[in-house]
Amino acid sequence: MGVAHTTLLTMKPSVISAARPLFSLLFLILIVLVPPVLTDESFFIPEQTLQRMEQQFGKEARTRLLAWQHLIRTTVDSEQTKLERVNRFMNTNAFIADTDHWQQEDYWATPIEFIASRGGDCEDFAIAKFFTLLKMGVDEHRLALTYVKAVHLNQAHMVLTYYPVPGAEPLVLDNLIDAIKPSSQRTDLVPVYSLNGSGLWLAKQRGKGKQIGNNNRLKRWRELLDRISSETP
């Protein structure tokens, strides 16, 4: 996105998604052509799941999912490199509102559903990045799904945040821009609360927060975990 980073913040997600298809196929080809050094042989997408996604979303769904599998199973030493690869891979997908994509007001897609269908809303982008980085060995406690207010869009938005060390200023992985920046540089985002594997948290400055307990979103989170576990071993 280079020079376009600033202007994209003022655009609607539907405008942003228009540019995605131009880069998607090329990026998937690069993922497959890069010489692999495989390490996590335990992760694979069952053939039954691949067939089901192919039937539902077309033959390209299998290609996209196998590219994702390859990404997870390829050795990367640096966590920064993992963040960059995952963020870039996921951001090739299109923004699609839940009402258009799933005919529901608020649906949390699994990473497989998101990648196979080549799109989703901001929550789907963040969730797919979260679980992909977990599969690549990033510590769960360094990651959080963070609800923010996108100032320029004047609407609620979700991003993935990464904490290099506990209490540090987080890095922000966002579908609105491809650059991964410290939260202090994302003045266009106002944090509201964060969700990780341990519960729901009210976001404050620099990653500190107060746990606010269960609510409907935490219930949806648990339902999402159940659906993810049914898709992969």
C-alpha atoms as a PDB file:
ATOM      1  CA  MET A   1       0.000   0.000   0.000  1.00  0.00           C
ATOM      2  CA  GLY A   2       3.050   2.314   0.156  1.00  0.00           C
ATOM      3  CA  VAL A   3       2.003   5.917  -0.414  1.00  0.00           C
ATOM      4  CA  ALA A   4      -1.664   4.943  -0.205  1.00  0.00           C
ATOM      5  CA  HIS A   5      -1.484   4.142   3.504  1.00  0.00           C
ATOM      6  CA  THR A   6      -2.647   7.567   4.621  1.00  0.00           C
ATOM      7  CA  THR A   7      -5.454   7.914   2.129  1.00  0.00           C
ATOM      8  CA  LEU A   8      -6.806   4.428   2.775  1.00  0.00           C
ATOM      9  CA  LEU A   9      -7.624   5.401   6.340  1.00  0.00           C
ATOM     10  CA  THR A  10     -10.218   7.816   4.982  1.00  0.00           C
ATOM     11  CA  MET A  11     -11.766   5.275   2.628  1.00  0.00           C
ATOM     12  CA  LYS A  12     -14.617   2.921   3.309  1.00  0.00           C
ATOM     13  CA  PRO A  13     -13.730  -0.796   3.605  1.00  0.00           C
ATOM     14  CA  SER A  14     -15.617  -1.503   0.377  1.00  0.00           C
ATOM     15  CA  VAL A  15     -13.217   0.807  -1.479  1.00  0.00           C
ATOM     16  CA  ILE A  16     -10.193  -0.791   0.134  1.00  0.00           C
ATOM     17  CA  SER A  17     -11.345  -4.260  -0.905  1.00  0.00           C
ATOM     18  CA  ALA A  18     -11.379  -3.291  -4.573  1.00  0.00           C
ATOM     19  CA  ALA A  19      -7.585  -3.274  -4.699  1.00  0.00           C
ATOM     20  CA  ARG A  20      -7.144  -6.667  -3.042  1.00  0.00           C
ATOM     21  CA  PRO A  21      -7.739  -8.996  -6.049  1.00  0.00           C
ATOM     22  CA  LEU A  22      -4.871  -7.361  -7.956  1.00  0.00           C
ATOM     23  CA  PHE A  23      -2.363  -8.733  -5.456  1.00  0.00           C
ATOM     24  CA  SER A  24      -4.066 -11.880  -4.141  1.00  0.00           C
ATOM     25  CA  LEU A  25      -3.124 -14.373  -6.865  1.00  0.00           C
ATOM     26  CA  LEU A  26       0.473 -13.149  -7.103  1.00  0.00           C
ATOM     27  CA  PHE A  27       0.941 -13.407  -3.359  1.00  0.00           C
ATOM     28  CA  LEU A  28      -0.472 -16.945  -3.236  1.00  0.00           C
ATOM     29  CA  ILE A  29       1.887 -17.970  -6.047  1.00  0.00           C
ATOM     30  CA  LEU A  30       4.866 -16.509  -4.189  1.00  0.00           C
ATOM     31  CA  ILE A  31       3.894 -18.391  -1.024  1.00  0.00           C
ATOM     32  CA  VAL A  32       3.940 -21.673  -2.933  1.00  0.00           C
ATOM     33  CA  LEU A  33       7.103 -20.973  -4.961  1.00  0.00           C
ATOM     34  CA  VAL A  34       9.330 -19.894  -2.058  1.00  0.00           C
ATOM     35  CA  PRO A  35      11.515 -22.921  -1.189  1.00  0.00           C
ATOM     36  CA  PRO A  36       9.994 -24.341   2.001  1.00  0.00           C
ATOM     37  CA  VAL A  37      11.730 -25.459   5.150  1.00  0.00           C
ATOM     38  CA  LEU A  38       8.970 -27.327   6.889  1.00  0.00           C
ATOM     39  CA  THR A  39       8.853 -27.732  10.629  1.00  0.00           C
ATOM     40  CA  ASP A  40       5.286 -28.234  11.913  1.00  0.00           C
ATOM     41  CA  GLU A  41       4.223 -31.436  10.226  1.00  0.00           C
ATOM     42  CA  SER A  42       1.388 -31.791  12.745  1.00  0.00           C
ATOM     43  CA  PHE A  43      -0.762 -29.091  11.138  1.00  0.00           C
ATOM     44  CA  PHE A  44      -2.822 -30.040   8.127  1.00  0.00           C
ATOM     45  CA  ILE A  45      -6.264 -29.312   6.774  1.00  0.00           C
ATOM     46  CA  PRO A  46      -8.257 -32.546   6.456  1.00  0.00           C
ATOM     47  CA  GLU A  47      -9.259 -33.541   2.935  1.00  0.00           C
ATOM     48  CA  GLN A  48     -12.884 -33.597   4.045  1.00  0.00           C
ATOM     49  CA  THR A  49     -12.647 -29.939   5.051  1.00  0.00           C
ATOM     50  CA  LEU A  50     -10.912 -29.020   1.781  1.00  0.00           C
ATOM     51  CA  GLN A  51     -13.633 -30.746  -0.230  1.00  0.00           C
ATOM     52  CA  ARG A  52     -16.398 -29.058   1.740  1.00  0.00           C
ATOM     53  CA  MET A  53     -14.867 -25.602   1.296  1.00  0.00           C
ATOM     54  CA  GLU A  54     -14.260 -26.289  -2.403  1.00  0.00           C
ATOM     55  CA  GLN A  55     -17.890 -27.246  -2.894  1.00  0.00           C
ATOM     56  CA  GLN A  56     -19.071 -24.169  -1.030  1.00  0.00           C
ATOM     57  CA  PHE A  57     -16.686 -21.529  -2.405  1.00  0.00           C
ATOM     58  CA  GLY A  58     -15.208 -22.999  -5.598  1.00  0.00           C
ATOM     59  CA  LYS A  59     -11.948 -24.650  -6.649  1.00  0.00           C
ATOM     60  CA  GLU A  60      -9.813 -21.645  -5.692  1.00  0.00           C
ATOM     61  CA  ALA A  61     -10.795 -22.196  -2.065  1.00  0.00           C
ATOM     62  CA  ARG A  62      -8.584 -25.298  -1.954  1.00  0.00           C
ATOM     63  CA  THR A  63      -5.644 -23.349  -3.416  1.00  0.00           C
ATOM     64  CA  ARG A  64      -6.035 -20.579  -0.855  1.00  0.00           C
ATOM     65  CA  LEU A  65      -6.285 -23.013   2.050  1.00  0.00           C
ATOM     66  CA  LEU A  66      -3.241 -25.012   0.951  1.00  0.00           C
ATOM     67  CA  ALA A  67      -1.286 -21.755   0.662  1.00  0.00           C
ATOM     68  CA  TRP A  68      -2.315 -20.950   4.245  1.00  0.00           C
ATOM     69  CA  GLN A  69      -1.254 -24.430   5.377  1.00  0.00           C
ATOM     70  CA  HIS A  70       2.113 -23.912   3.670  1.00  0.00           C
ATOM     71  CA  LEU A  71       2.538 -20.552   5.401  1.00  0.00           C
ATOM     72  CA  ILE A  72       1.986 -22.104   8.821  1.00  0.00           C
ATOM     73  CA  ARG A  73       4.309 -25.035   8.186  1.00  0.00           C
ATOM     74  CA  THR A  74       7.205 -22.973   6.842  1.00  0.00           C
ATOM     75  CA  THR A  75      10.038 -22.222   9.262  1.00  0.00           C
ATOM     76  CA  VAL A  76      10.427 -18.577  10.268  1.00  0.00           C
ATOM     77  CA  ASP A  77      12.874 -17.691  13.030  1.00  0.00           C
ATOM     78  CA  SER A  78      11.869 -14.080  13.656  1.00  0.00           C
ATOM     79  CA  GLU A  79       8.503 -13.272  15.212  1.00  0.00           C
ATOM     80  CA  GLN A  80       8.574  -9.943  13.396  1.00  0.00           C
ATOM     81  CA  THR A  81       8.825 -11.841  10.114  1.00  0.00           C
ATOM     82  CA  LYS A  82       5.919 -14.053  11.151  1.00  0.00           C
ATOM     83  CA  LEU A  83       3.821 -10.977  11.873  1.00  0.00           C
ATOM     84  CA  GLU A  84       4.671  -9.432   8.517  1.00  0.00           C
ATOM     85  CA  ARG A  85       3.988 -12.601   6.505  1.00  0.00           C
ATOM     86  CA  VAL A  86       0.695 -13.341   8.217  1.00  0.00           C
ATOM     87  CA  ASN A  87      -0.496  -9.744   8.031  1.00  0.00           C
ATOM     88  CA  ARG A  88       0.377  -9.538   4.330  1.00  0.00           C
ATOM     89  CA  PHE A  89      -1.210 -12.909   3.545  1.00  0.00           C
ATOM     90  CA  MET A  90      -4.498 -12.097   5.274  1.00  0.00           C
ATOM     91  CA  ASN A  91      -4.712  -8.578   3.897  1.00  0.00           C
ATOM     92  CA  THR A  92      -4.927  -9.918   0.331  1.00  0.00           C
ATOM     93  CA  ASN A  93      -8.512 -10.875   1.155  1.00  0.00           C
ATOM     94  CA  ALA A  94     -11.487  -8.593   0.571  1.00  0.00           C
ATOM     95  CA  PHE A  95     -13.550  -6.724   3.130  1.00  0.00           C
ATOM     96  CA  ILE A  96     -17.126  -8.040   3.036  1.00  0.00           C
ATOM     97  CA  ALA A  97     -19.782  -7.068   5.568  1.00  0.00           C
ATOM     98  CA  ASP A  98     -21.393  -9.938   7.491  1.00  0.00           C
ATOM     99  CA  THR A  99     -24.853  -9.089   6.168  1.00  0.00           C
ATOM    100  CA  ASP A 100     -23.607  -9.487   2.589  1.00  0.00           C
ATOM    101  CA  HIS A 101     -21.243 -12.387   3.193  1.00  0.00           C
ATOM    102  CA  TRP A 102     -23.034 -14.575   5.735  1.00  0.00           C
ATOM    103  CA  GLN A 103     -26.534 -13.028   5.758  1.00  0.00           C
ATOM    104  CA  GLN A 104     -26.136 -12.409   9.491  1.00  0.00           C
ATOM    105  CA  GLU A 105     -25.787  -9.218  11.495  1.00  0.00           C
ATOM    106  CA  ASP A 106     -22.621 -10.320  13.293  1.00  0.00           C
ATOM    107  CA  TYR A 107     -20.898 -13.597  12.364  1.00  0.00           C
ATOM    108  CA  TRP A 108     -17.397 -14.600  13.445  1.00  0.00           C
ATOM    109  CA  ALA A 109     -15.915 -16.745  10.683  1.00  0.00           C
ATOM    110  CA  THR A 110     -13.274 -19.369  11.360  1.00  0.00           C
ATOM    111  CA  PRO A 111      -9.915 -18.798   9.641  1.00  0.00           C
ATOM    112  CA  ILE A 112     -10.778 -21.581   7.201  1.00  0.00           C
ATOM    113  CA  GLU A 113     -14.121 -19.982   6.302  1.00  0.00           C
ATOM    114  CA  PHE A 114     -12.472 -16.566   5.936  1.00  0.00           C
ATOM    115  CA  ILE A 115      -9.646 -17.797   3.691  1.00  0.00           C
ATOM    116  CA  ALA A 116     -11.793 -20.184   1.637  1.00  0.00           C
ATOM    117  CA  SER A 117     -14.367 -17.473   0.921  1.00  0.00           C
ATOM    118  CA  ARG A 118     -11.606 -14.899   0.322  1.00  0.00           C
ATOM    119  CA  GLY A 119     -13.148 -12.270   2.520  1.00  0.00           C
ATOM    120  CA  GLY A 120     -14.802 -11.110   5.687  1.00  0.00           C
ATOM    121  CA  ASP A 121     -15.166  -8.135   7.973  1.00  0.00           C
ATOM    122  CA  CYS A 122     -12.537  -6.642  10.285  1.00  0.00           C
ATOM    123  CA  GLU A 123     -13.218  -9.233  12.988  1.00  0.00           C
ATOM    124  CA  ASP A 124     -12.574 -12.065  10.544  1.00  0.00           C
ATOM    125  CA  PHE A 125      -9.247 -10.539   9.467  1.00  0.00           C
ATOM    126  CA  ALA A 126      -8.095 -10.176  13.080  1.00  0.00           C
ATOM    127  CA  ILE A 127      -9.284 -13.632  14.143  1.00  0.00           C
ATOM    128  CA  ALA A 128      -7.558 -15.325  11.190  1.00  0.00           C
ATOM    129  CA  LYS A 129      -4.287 -13.541  12.005  1.00  0.00           C
ATOM    130  CA  PHE A 130      -4.602 -14.466  15.692  1.00  0.00           C
ATOM    131  CA  PHE A 131      -5.034 -18.207  15.142  1.00  0.00           C
ATOM    132  CA  THR A 132      -2.469 -18.361  12.343  1.00  0.00           C
ATOM    133  CA  LEU A 133       0.210 -16.817  14.553  1.00  0.00           C
ATOM    134  CA  LEU A 134      -0.719 -19.226  17.353  1.00  0.00           C
ATOM    135  CA  LYS A 135      -0.202 -22.119  14.921  1.00  0.00           C
ATOM    136  CA  MET A 136       3.179 -20.625  13.989  1.00  0.00           C
ATOM    137  CA  GLY A 137       4.305 -20.741  17.610  1.00  0.00           C
ATOM    138  CA  VAL A 138       3.652 -17.201  18.833  1.00  0.00           C
ATOM    139  CA  ASP A 139       2.751 -17.157  22.530  1.00  0.00           C
ATOM    140  CA  GLU A 140      -0.964 -16.583  23.079  1.00  0.00           C
ATOM    141  CA  HIS A 141      -0.222 -14.064  25.831  1.00  0.00           C
ATOM    142  CA  ARG A 142       1.490 -11.797  23.293  1.00  0.00           C
ATOM    143  CA  LEU A 143      -1.646 -11.537  21.173  1.00  0.00           C
ATOM    144  CA  ALA A 144      -5.007  -9.873  21.675  1.00  0.00           C
ATOM    145  CA  LEU A 145      -8.037  -9.133  19.540  1.00  0.00           C
ATOM    146  CA  THR A 146      -8.620  -5.458  20.222  1.00  0.00           C
ATOM    147  CA  TYR A 147     -11.775  -3.487  19.573  1.00  0.00           C
ATOM    148  CA  VAL A 148     -11.103   0.117  18.654  1.00  0.00           C
ATOM    149  CA  LYS A 149     -12.935   3.089  17.260  1.00  0.00           C
ATOM    150  CA  ALA A 150     -11.651   3.903  13.780  1.00  0.00           C
ATOM    151  CA  VAL A 151     -11.703   7.687  13.958  1.00  0.00           C
ATOM    152  CA  HIS A 152     -11.683   8.432  10.233  1.00  0.00           C
ATOM    153  CA  LEU A 153     -14.364   5.832   9.532  1.00  0.00           C
ATOM    154  CA  ASN A 154     -16.303   6.820  12.674  1.00  0.00           C
ATOM    155  CA  GLN A 155     -17.157   3.210  13.442  1.00  0.00           C
ATOM    156  CA  ALA A 156     -16.189   0.240  15.584  1.00  0.00           C
ATOM    157  CA  HIS A 157     -13.267  -1.772  14.252  1.00  0.00           C
ATOM    158  CA  MET A 158     -11.185  -4.784  15.310  1.00  0.00           C
ATOM    159  CA  VAL A 159      -7.422  -5.238  14.985  1.00  0.00           C
ATOM    160  CA  LEU A 160      -4.884  -7.761  16.231  1.00  0.00           C
ATOM    161  CA  THR A 161      -2.334  -6.428  18.704  1.00  0.00           C
ATOM    162  CA  TYR A 162       1.033  -8.022  19.477  1.00  0.00           C
ATOM    163  CA  TYR A 163       3.014  -7.393  22.682  1.00  0.00           C
ATOM    164  CA  PRO A 164       6.769  -8.115  22.338  1.00  0.00           C
ATOM    165  CA  VAL A 165       6.972  -8.350  26.145  1.00  0.00           C
ATOM    166  CA  PRO A 166       4.252  -8.068  28.826  1.00  0.00           C
ATOM    167  CA  GLY A 167       3.219  -4.477  29.376  1.00  0.00           C
ATOM    168  CA  ALA A 168       5.043  -3.206  26.300  1.00  0.00           C
ATOM    169  CA  GLU A 169       3.499  -0.964  23.713  1.00  0.00           C
ATOM    170  CA  PRO A 170       1.724  -3.281  21.258  1.00  0.00           C
ATOM    171  CA  LEU A 171       2.149  -3.489  17.515  1.00  0.00           C
ATOM    172  CA  VAL A 172      -1.063  -3.219  15.494  1.00  0.00           C
ATOM    173  CA  LEU A 173      -1.963  -5.616  12.661  1.00  0.00           C
ATOM    174  CA  ASP A 174      -4.831  -4.035  10.748  1.00  0.00           C
ATOM    175  CA  ASN A 175      -6.712  -4.800   7.551  1.00  0.00           C
ATOM    176  CA  LEU A 176      -7.024  -1.065   6.793  1.00  0.00           C
ATOM    177  CA  ILE A 177      -3.278  -0.683   6.219  1.00  0.00           C
ATOM    178  CA  ASP A 178      -0.522  -3.204   5.528  1.00  0.00           C
ATOM    179  CA  ALA A 179       2.133  -1.497   7.654  1.00  0.00           C
ATOM    180  CA  ILE A 180       2.537  -2.910  11.170  1.00  0.00           C
ATOM    181  CA  LYS A 181       2.953   0.059  13.498  1.00  0.00           C
ATOM    182  CA  PRO A 182       3.228   0.659  17.266  1.00  0.00           C
ATOM    183  CA  SER A 183      -0.098   1.665  18.790  1.00  0.00           C
ATOM    184  CA  SER A 184       1.230   5.157  19.565  1.00  0.00           C
ATOM    185  CA  GLN A 185       1.555   5.762  15.824  1.00  0.00           C
ATOM    186  CA  ARG A 186      -2.041   4.727  15.148  1.00  0.00           C
ATOM    187  CA  THR A 187      -3.676   7.938  16.308  1.00  0.00           C
ATOM    188  CA  ASP A 188      -6.590   7.082  14.022  1.00  0.00           C
ATOM    189  CA  LEU A 189      -7.564   4.234  16.376  1.00  0.00           C
ATOM    190  CA  VAL A 190      -9.000   4.603  19.894  1.00  0.00           C
ATOM    191  CA  PRO A 191      -8.817   1.349  21.930  1.00  0.00           C
ATOM    192  CA  VAL A 192     -11.996   0.134  23.622  1.00  0.00           C
ATOM    193  CA  TYR A 193     -11.339  -3.416  24.857  1.00  0.00           C
ATOM    194  CA  SER A 194      -9.376  -6.550  24.014  1.00  0.00           C
ATOM    195  CA  LEU A 195     -10.110 -10.255  23.879  1.00  0.00           C
ATOM    196  CA  ASN A 196      -7.620 -13.098  24.180  1.00  0.00           C
ATOM    197  CA  GLY A 197      -7.741 -16.730  25.187  1.00  0.00           C
ATOM    198  CA  SER A 198      -8.126 -15.847  28.862  1.00  0.00           C
ATOM    199  CA  GLY A 199     -11.091 -13.497  28.811  1.00  0.00           C
ATOM    200  CA  LEU A 200     -12.401 -10.087  27.904  1.00  0.00           C
ATOM    201  CA  TRP A 201     -10.383  -7.015  28.804  1.00  0.00           C
ATOM    202  CA  LEU A 202     -11.023  -3.303  28.831  1.00  0.00           C
ATOM    203  CA  ALA A 203      -8.191  -1.705  26.903  1.00  0.00           C
ATOM    204  CA  LYS A 204      -6.197   1.141  28.383  1.00  0.00           C
ATOM    205  CA  GLN A 205      -2.937   2.794  27.491  1.00  0.00           C
ATOM    206  CA  ARG A 206      -0.007   0.633  26.382  1.00  0.00           C
ATOM    207  CA  GLY A 207      -1.680  -2.718  26.803  1.00  0.00           C
ATOM    208  CA  LYS A 208      -2.830  -2.381  30.417  1.00  0.00           C
ATOM    209  CA  GLY A 209      -6.411  -3.250  31.142  1.00  0.00           C
ATOM    210  CA  LYS A 210      -9.117  -4.310  33.535  1.00  0.00           C
ATOM    211  CA  GLN A 211     -10.940  -7.588  33.082  1.00  0.00           C
ATOM    212  CA  ILE A 212     -14.642  -7.012  32.538  1.00  0.00           C
ATOM    213  CA  GLY A 213     -15.828 -10.612  32.487  1.00  0.00           C
ATOM    214  CA  ASN A 214     -18.247 -12.540  30.292  1.00  0.00           C
ATOM    215  CA  ASN A 215     -20.681 -11.077  27.797  1.00  0.00           C
ATOM    216  CA  ASN A 216     -22.180 -11.967  24.440  1.00  0.00           C
ATOM    217  CA  ARG A 217     -18.861 -11.519  22.653  1.00  0.00           C
ATOM    218  CA  LEU A 218     -17.133 -13.946  24.990  1.00  0.00           C
ATOM    219  CA  LYS A 219     -19.911 -16.455  24.296  1.00  0.00           C
ATOM    220  CA  ARG A 220     -19.370 -15.947  20.572  1.00  0.00           C
ATOM    221  CA  TRP A 221     -15.633 -16.465  21.129  1.00  0.00           C
ATOM    222  CA  ARG A 222     -16.248 -19.841  22.771  1.00  0.00           C
ATOM    223  CA  GLU A 223     -18.576 -20.889  19.973  1.00  0.00           C
ATOM    224  CA  LEU A 224     -15.885 -19.905  17.478  1.00  0.00           C
ATOM    225  CA  LEU A 225     -13.335 -22.094  19.278  1.00  0.00           C
ATOM    226  CA  ASP A 226     -15.721 -25.048  19.034  1.00  0.00           C
ATOM    227  CA  ARG A 227     -16.160 -24.556  15.282  1.00  0.00           C
ATOM    228  CA  ILE A 228     -12.413 -24.216  14.734  1.00  0.00           C
ATOM    229  CA  SER A 229     -11.719 -27.443  16.612  1.00  0.00           C
ATOM    230  CA  SER A 230     -14.214 -29.280  14.401  1.00  0.00           C
ATOM    231  CA  GLU A 231     -12.415 -28.174  11.208  1.00  0.00           C
ATOM    232  CA  THR A 232      -8.829 -29.212  11.966  1.00  0.00           C
ATOM    233  CA  PRO A 233      -7.179 -31.913  14.106  1.00  0.00           C
END
